[in-house]
Protein backbone atom coordinates (compact mmCIF):
# COMPACT_ATOMS: atom_id res chain seq x y z
CA MET A 1 -66.98 2.89 -218.78
CA ASN A 2 -63.61 1.67 -219.79
CA ALA A 3 -63.44 -0.45 -222.90
CA LEU A 4 -61.00 -2.34 -224.67
CA ILE A 5 -61.56 -2.66 -228.44
CA ALA A 6 -59.09 -5.40 -229.28
CA CYS A 7 -57.98 -6.25 -232.66
CA GLU A 8 -59.22 -3.04 -234.19
CA GLU A 9 -56.81 -1.15 -236.80
CA SER A 10 -59.66 1.30 -237.96
CA GLY A 11 -60.78 2.89 -234.55
CA THR A 12 -64.16 2.55 -235.62
CA VAL A 13 -65.66 0.89 -232.66
CA ARG A 14 -63.40 2.83 -230.17
CA ASP A 15 -64.37 6.12 -231.67
CA ALA A 16 -68.18 5.47 -230.82
CA PHE A 17 -67.43 4.70 -227.56
CA ILE A 18 -65.64 7.77 -227.09
CA LYS A 19 -68.27 9.90 -229.09
CA ARG A 20 -70.65 8.60 -226.15
CA GLY A 21 -68.50 9.97 -223.39
CA HIS A 22 -66.41 6.55 -222.52
CA ASN A 23 -62.84 5.68 -222.08
CA ALA A 24 -62.03 3.11 -224.82
CA ILE A 25 -58.83 2.29 -226.23
CA SER A 26 -58.19 -0.06 -229.32
CA CYS A 27 -55.31 -2.13 -229.56
CA ASP A 28 -53.77 -4.20 -232.61
CA ILE A 29 -50.44 -5.14 -234.17
CA LEU A 30 -50.99 -2.78 -236.87
CA GLU A 31 -50.53 1.03 -237.03
CA PRO A 32 -53.93 2.53 -236.79
CA SER A 33 -55.40 4.20 -239.91
CA GLY A 34 -57.82 5.94 -237.42
CA GLY A 35 -55.61 7.92 -235.28
CA GLY A 36 -55.95 7.08 -231.33
CA PRO A 37 -55.93 6.17 -228.38
CA HIS A 38 -54.47 3.09 -229.80
CA ILE A 39 -51.61 1.02 -228.49
CA VAL A 40 -49.77 -1.11 -231.37
CA GLY A 41 -48.99 -4.66 -229.99
CA ASP A 42 -50.49 -7.72 -228.91
CA ALA A 43 -53.65 -7.40 -226.99
CA LEU A 44 -53.59 -10.43 -224.64
CA PRO A 45 -51.09 -8.49 -222.11
CA LEU A 46 -54.02 -6.01 -221.89
CA LEU A 47 -56.32 -8.73 -220.34
CA LYS A 48 -55.17 -8.58 -217.12
CA TYR A 49 -56.11 -5.00 -216.69
CA GLU A 50 -60.17 -4.46 -215.41
CA TRP A 51 -62.14 -3.48 -218.12
CA ASP A 52 -65.97 -2.93 -217.94
CA LEU A 53 -66.29 -3.83 -221.69
CA ILE A 54 -64.24 -6.04 -224.27
CA ILE A 55 -64.89 -6.00 -227.87
CA ALA A 56 -62.46 -8.09 -229.75
CA HIS A 57 -62.20 -8.49 -233.56
CA PRO A 58 -59.49 -11.68 -233.57
CA PRO A 59 -58.10 -12.53 -237.17
CA CYS A 60 -60.67 -14.78 -238.77
CA THR A 61 -58.38 -16.29 -241.74
CA TYR A 62 -58.22 -19.59 -240.22
CA LEU A 63 -61.27 -19.77 -238.62
CA CYS A 64 -63.91 -18.78 -240.84
CA ASN A 65 -66.20 -20.53 -243.27
CA SER A 66 -64.81 -19.23 -246.38
CA GLY A 67 -61.44 -20.81 -245.57
CA VAL A 68 -62.44 -24.26 -244.86
CA GLN A 69 -61.51 -25.45 -248.10
CA HIS A 70 -57.86 -24.77 -247.52
CA LEU A 71 -57.66 -27.22 -244.86
CA LYS A 72 -57.90 -30.08 -247.13
CA THR A 73 -55.19 -28.82 -249.59
CA ASP A 74 -52.66 -27.02 -246.84
CA LYS A 75 -51.94 -29.12 -243.62
CA THR A 76 -50.19 -26.40 -242.21
CA ARG A 77 -53.56 -24.69 -241.60
CA TRP A 78 -54.58 -27.18 -238.88
CA GLY A 79 -52.19 -25.65 -236.46
CA LYS A 80 -52.53 -22.16 -237.18
CA MET A 81 -56.56 -22.84 -236.86
CA GLU A 82 -55.73 -24.29 -233.72
CA GLU A 83 -53.58 -21.34 -232.69
CA ALA A 84 -56.29 -18.87 -234.01
CA ALA A 85 -59.12 -20.81 -231.88
CA TRP A 86 -57.04 -20.71 -228.75
CA PHE A 87 -56.81 -16.77 -229.28
CA PHE A 88 -60.33 -16.33 -229.82
CA HIS A 89 -61.22 -18.23 -226.87
CA THR A 90 -58.83 -16.05 -224.74
CA PHE A 91 -60.72 -13.16 -225.29
CA LEU A 92 -64.28 -14.96 -224.90
CA ASN A 93 -62.86 -16.18 -221.30
CA ALA A 94 -61.15 -13.09 -220.19
CA LYS A 95 -62.08 -11.84 -216.56
CA CYS A 96 -64.76 -9.25 -217.76
CA GLU A 97 -68.57 -9.38 -217.17
CA LYS A 98 -69.04 -7.60 -220.78
CA ILE A 99 -67.37 -9.50 -223.74
CA CYS A 100 -68.50 -9.37 -227.29
CA ILE A 101 -66.08 -11.15 -230.13
CA GLU A 102 -66.73 -10.24 -233.55
CA ASN A 103 -65.93 -12.68 -236.39
CA PRO A 104 -67.51 -13.93 -239.96
CA ILE A 105 -69.38 -17.62 -239.79
CA PRO A 106 -67.14 -20.28 -238.48
CA HIS A 107 -66.42 -23.36 -240.02
CA LYS A 108 -67.30 -26.02 -237.73
CA TYR A 109 -63.46 -27.23 -237.04
CA GLY A 110 -62.41 -23.87 -236.07
CA LEU A 111 -64.47 -22.60 -232.98
CA GLY A 112 -66.97 -25.71 -231.99
CA LYS A 113 -69.00 -22.72 -230.13
CA THR A 114 -72.25 -21.15 -231.70
CA TYR A 115 -72.17 -17.47 -231.86
CA SER A 116 -75.13 -15.57 -229.98
CA GLN A 117 -76.33 -13.67 -232.81
CA LEU A 118 -75.44 -13.15 -236.70
CA ILE A 119 -75.99 -9.47 -237.79
CA GLN A 120 -75.93 -7.72 -241.33
CA PRO A 121 -74.85 -4.25 -242.19
CA TYR A 122 -78.30 -3.44 -243.78
CA MET A 123 -79.63 -3.91 -240.13
CA PHE A 124 -77.79 -0.73 -239.45
CA GLY A 125 -78.17 1.38 -242.10
CA HIS A 126 -75.88 0.08 -244.82
CA LYS A 127 -77.12 -1.02 -248.07
CA GLU A 128 -74.68 -4.30 -248.10
CA ARG A 129 -74.81 -7.68 -246.84
CA LYS A 130 -71.75 -9.21 -244.73
CA ALA A 131 -72.64 -11.86 -242.26
CA THR A 132 -71.05 -11.14 -238.95
CA CYS A 133 -71.40 -13.16 -235.78
CA LEU A 134 -71.45 -12.02 -232.40
CA TRP A 135 -70.25 -14.10 -229.22
CA LEU A 136 -71.89 -12.41 -226.09
CA LYS A 137 -70.89 -12.57 -222.81
CA GLY A 138 -73.04 -10.35 -220.13
CA LEU A 139 -74.52 -8.42 -223.18
CA PRO A 140 -78.11 -8.54 -224.89
CA LYS A 141 -78.06 -8.93 -228.52
CA LEU A 142 -77.71 -5.65 -230.52
CA THR A 143 -81.21 -4.44 -231.72
CA GLU A 144 -81.36 -3.48 -235.41
CA THR A 145 -81.46 0.53 -235.47
CA ASN A 146 -82.31 1.29 -239.30
CA ASN A 147 -83.24 -1.91 -241.74
CA VAL A 148 -82.60 -0.98 -245.51
CA LYS A 149 -82.83 -4.80 -246.33
CA GLU A 150 -85.45 -3.72 -249.14
CA GLU A 151 -83.26 -1.09 -250.46
CA MET A 152 -80.14 -3.12 -250.45
CA LEU A 153 -81.93 -6.05 -252.32
CA ALA A 154 -82.83 -3.22 -255.20
CA LEU A 155 -78.97 -3.22 -255.88
CA PRO A 156 -76.89 -5.03 -257.96
CA LYS A 157 -74.99 -8.14 -256.49
CA LYS A 158 -71.75 -6.58 -256.80
CA ASP A 159 -72.76 -3.43 -254.66
CA GLN A 160 -74.74 -5.59 -252.23
CA GLN A 161 -71.54 -7.54 -251.74
CA ARG A 162 -69.10 -4.95 -252.17
CA LEU A 163 -66.49 -5.98 -249.72
CA HIS A 164 -66.99 -9.61 -251.10
CA TYR A 165 -66.19 -8.28 -254.84
CA LEU A 166 -62.92 -6.12 -253.77
CA SER A 167 -59.93 -6.17 -255.81
CA PRO A 168 -56.82 -8.23 -254.41
CA GLY A 169 -54.53 -5.53 -252.89
CA PRO A 170 -52.43 -4.35 -249.69
CA GLU A 171 -55.49 -2.56 -248.21
CA ARG A 172 -58.15 -5.36 -248.83
CA ALA A 173 -57.96 -7.19 -245.30
CA LYS A 174 -58.26 -3.59 -244.02
CA LEU A 175 -61.05 -2.88 -245.75
CA ARG A 176 -63.14 -6.29 -245.13
CA SER A 177 -62.37 -6.06 -241.52
CA LYS A 178 -63.63 -2.53 -240.64
CA THR A 179 -66.77 -2.69 -238.68
CA PHE A 180 -69.42 -0.84 -240.55
CA GLN A 181 -70.33 2.71 -238.69
CA GLY A 182 -73.73 1.73 -237.84
CA ILE A 183 -72.80 -1.44 -236.32
CA ALA A 184 -70.20 0.70 -234.12
CA ASP A 185 -72.73 3.30 -233.29
CA ALA A 186 -75.25 0.64 -232.47
CA MET A 187 -72.72 -1.15 -229.97
CA ALA A 188 -72.02 2.10 -228.14
CA ALA A 189 -75.38 3.31 -227.73
CA GLN A 190 -76.78 -0.09 -226.63
CA TRP A 191 -74.00 -1.21 -224.78
CA GLY A 192 -72.06 1.72 -223.45
């Protein structure tokens, strides 16, 4: 299978597919922290090629529910939100039979399309919560592989929501956007 993992700096999903014998490549505007195969640059030109599967993680800054409060105070965000929504939909509407777009819970102004599935890391063996939405085309919903919700609920809130409580800094965005290994492994096992 030829898989494009777009807007993925870490290589986590790409490597899960490679480990299962697939031809997968990641692309992001950032240099990869997880090595290659990786293309540094805009992922949109890669949509002209034939892919068996596209998994995209478009930037969520202007689309996610957590940022909606800024629309009232920063009028420039409306244009940025429209541009981000266009970018998101370009992946969703790509000429590929199997597509997954991953993003946090969107606000109602940003995407206008409801997601196919909401997953949590604790459904895939991680004792954390971070609501993640999947927009699926030609793919089944992910089936949870190792639900550790009860163990996660026994932890302090700061541990349950570790990514939410990360200190500000240059690596925060990368850490928050990295796909949990259990989710990446489930994608490769169930969609590969």
